[in-house]
């Protein structure tokens, strides 16, 4: 009977250790993802009509953020979903800024031709830029959801 109690105590200790280590791993993984998000808090370029170089730089930063998020080793299934979602939002941000930069470059080339073509090109560039910065609210929501999950 004593050996049964010892076995039960050992099993309980092992389960406790596993639960603690799983929780510890989740906390560590959450911390890593949230640190990346905090370092790269989305910010629109300060100019109302940023230059193509600024947009390209923003696209590069977003791509780097996606790579950093993807590089975090995650074992928790729900955290993997958040990781994938946030990385995809950063990739989408990068693509949107690349598209806006290309439109800005095209607008600069057209501006020497006609006023109507120039206006259309600038309008397209501005529209793509606004579309690019719209993603920030989605990123903030995703990071907020991650943070809420991590505090559970």
Protein backbone atom coordinates (compact mmCIF):
# COMPACT_ATOMS: atom_id res chain seq x y z
CA UNK A 1 0.00 0.00 0.00
CA UNK A 2 2.88 2.34 0.78
CA UNK A 3 4.32 1.79 -2.70
CA UNK A 4 0.93 2.75 -4.19
CA UNK A 5 0.98 6.03 -2.27
CA UNK A 6 4.57 6.64 -3.41
CA UNK A 7 3.65 5.88 -7.00
CA UNK A 8 0.64 8.19 -6.78
CA UNK A 9 2.77 10.97 -5.29
CA UNK A 10 5.38 10.49 -8.02
CA UNK A 11 2.70 10.59 -10.73
CA UNK A 12 1.21 13.72 -9.20
CA UNK A 13 4.63 15.36 -9.06
CA UNK A 14 5.26 14.48 -12.73
CA UNK A 15 1.89 15.88 -13.82
CA UNK A 16 2.52 19.03 -11.83
CA UNK A 17 5.94 19.41 -13.44
CA UNK A 18 4.50 18.90 -16.93
CA UNK A 19 1.72 21.41 -16.35
CA UNK A 20 4.20 23.96 -15.02
CA UNK A 21 6.64 23.45 -17.89
CA UNK A 22 3.84 23.72 -20.48
CA UNK A 23 2.60 26.92 -18.87
CA UNK A 24 6.15 28.20 -18.66
CA UNK A 25 6.70 27.45 -22.37
CA UNK A 26 3.47 29.26 -23.30
CA UNK A 27 4.46 32.28 -21.21
CA UNK A 28 7.91 32.38 -22.81
CA UNK A 29 6.51 32.04 -26.32
CA UNK A 30 3.89 34.72 -25.64
CA UNK A 31 6.60 37.01 -24.31
CA UNK A 32 8.70 36.53 -27.45
CA UNK A 33 5.82 37.30 -29.81
CA UNK A 34 4.65 40.30 -27.80
CA UNK A 35 8.19 41.71 -27.64
CA UNK A 36 8.44 41.59 -31.44
CA UNK A 37 5.04 43.26 -31.73
CA UNK A 38 6.05 45.95 -29.23
CA UNK A 39 9.31 46.67 -31.05
CA UNK A 40 7.48 46.98 -34.30
CA UNK A 41 4.34 48.81 -33.30
CA UNK A 42 2.81 49.83 -36.62
CA UNK A 43 3.18 53.49 -37.43
CA UNK A 44 2.21 55.24 -40.61
CA UNK A 45 4.90 57.44 -42.12
CA UNK A 46 4.47 60.98 -40.79
CA UNK A 47 3.99 62.60 -44.21
CA UNK A 48 0.49 62.78 -45.63
CA UNK A 49 1.98 62.00 -49.02
CA UNK A 50 5.13 60.00 -48.31
CA UNK A 51 7.77 59.50 -50.92
CA UNK A 52 8.19 56.14 -52.59
CA UNK A 53 11.47 55.60 -50.70
CA UNK A 54 9.62 55.90 -47.37
CA UNK A 55 7.01 53.40 -48.51
CA UNK A 56 9.67 50.95 -49.69
CA UNK A 57 11.43 51.29 -46.33
CA UNK A 58 8.11 50.63 -44.56
CA UNK A 59 7.56 47.55 -46.77
CA UNK A 60 11.02 46.25 -45.88
CA UNK A 61 10.38 46.78 -42.16
CA UNK A 62 7.08 44.93 -42.39
CA UNK A 63 8.78 42.01 -44.14
CA UNK A 64 11.41 41.89 -41.40
CA UNK A 65 8.66 41.86 -38.75
CA UNK A 66 7.00 38.91 -40.51
CA UNK A 67 10.29 37.00 -40.55
CA UNK A 68 10.91 37.72 -36.86
CA UNK A 69 7.43 36.55 -35.89
CA UNK A 70 7.82 33.38 -37.96
CA UNK A 71 11.20 32.63 -36.39
CA UNK A 72 9.77 32.27 -32.87
CA UNK A 73 9.56 28.59 -31.94
CA UNK A 74 5.96 27.92 -30.93
CA UNK A 75 4.57 24.68 -29.50
CA UNK A 76 1.12 25.87 -28.35
CA UNK A 77 -1.48 25.26 -31.10
CA UNK A 78 -3.44 28.45 -30.41
CA UNK A 79 -0.24 30.51 -30.31
CA UNK A 80 0.72 29.06 -33.71
CA UNK A 81 -2.55 30.43 -35.08
CA UNK A 82 -1.79 33.89 -33.67
CA UNK A 83 1.78 33.68 -34.97
CA UNK A 84 0.60 32.82 -38.47
CA UNK A 85 -2.10 35.50 -38.46
CA UNK A 86 0.25 38.25 -37.29
CA UNK A 87 3.02 37.22 -39.72
CA UNK A 88 0.51 37.24 -42.59
CA UNK A 89 -0.68 40.73 -41.62
CA UNK A 90 2.91 41.98 -41.68
CA UNK A 91 3.42 40.37 -45.11
CA UNK A 92 0.24 42.00 -46.35
CA UNK A 93 1.44 45.34 -45.00
CA UNK A 94 4.70 44.88 -46.90
CA UNK A 95 2.89 44.08 -50.14
CA UNK A 96 0.53 47.03 -49.78
CA UNK A 97 3.39 49.47 -49.23
CA UNK A 98 5.26 47.99 -52.21
CA UNK A 99 2.16 48.50 -54.37
CA UNK A 100 1.76 52.07 -53.13
CA UNK A 101 5.46 52.81 -53.79
CA UNK A 102 5.19 51.45 -57.34
CA UNK A 103 2.12 53.61 -57.95
CA UNK A 104 3.97 56.63 -56.56
CA UNK A 105 6.91 55.99 -58.89
CA UNK A 106 4.52 55.62 -61.83
CA UNK A 107 2.75 58.84 -60.82
CA UNK A 108 6.07 60.69 -60.78
CA UNK A 109 6.84 59.45 -64.30
CA UNK A 110 3.39 60.37 -65.62
CA UNK A 111 3.38 63.85 -64.10
CA UNK A 112 5.46 65.16 -66.98
CA UNK A 113 2.91 64.00 -69.57
CA UNK A 114 -0.64 65.29 -68.96
CA UNK A 115 -2.53 66.80 -66.09
CA UNK A 116 -5.35 64.21 -66.30
CA UNK A 117 -2.97 61.24 -66.35
CA UNK A 118 -0.93 62.79 -63.55
CA UNK A 119 -4.02 63.34 -61.42
CA UNK A 120 -5.21 59.76 -62.01
CA UNK A 121 -1.80 58.33 -61.14
CA UNK A 122 -1.51 60.41 -57.98
CA UNK A 123 -5.04 59.43 -56.99
CA UNK A 124 -4.18 55.74 -57.42
CA UNK A 125 -1.01 56.18 -55.38
CA UNK A 126 -2.89 57.92 -52.56
CA UNK A 127 -5.59 55.25 -52.58
CA UNK A 128 -3.03 52.45 -52.34
CA UNK A 129 -1.23 54.27 -49.54
CA UNK A 130 -4.48 54.59 -47.56
CA UNK A 131 -5.15 50.91 -48.17
CA UNK A 132 -1.66 50.13 -46.87
CA UNK A 133 -2.15 51.95 -43.58
CA UNK A 134 -5.63 50.46 -43.04
CA UNK A 135 -3.95 47.20 -42.05
CA UNK A 136 -2.63 48.76 -38.83
CA UNK A 137 -5.99 48.42 -37.10
CA UNK A 138 -6.10 44.73 -38.06
CA UNK A 139 -2.59 44.27 -36.69
CA UNK A 140 -3.49 46.03 -33.45
CA UNK A 141 -6.58 43.83 -33.07
CA UNK A 142 -4.55 40.66 -33.68
CA UNK A 143 -1.89 41.72 -31.17
CA UNK A 144 -4.59 42.61 -28.65
CA UNK A 145 -6.16 39.15 -29.09
CA UNK A 146 -2.73 37.55 -28.65
CA UNK A 147 -2.16 39.54 -25.50
CA UNK A 148 -5.55 38.52 -24.10
CA UNK A 149 -4.81 34.85 -24.82
CA UNK A 150 -1.41 35.13 -23.19
CA UNK A 151 -2.89 36.49 -19.96
CA UNK A 152 -5.31 33.57 -19.60
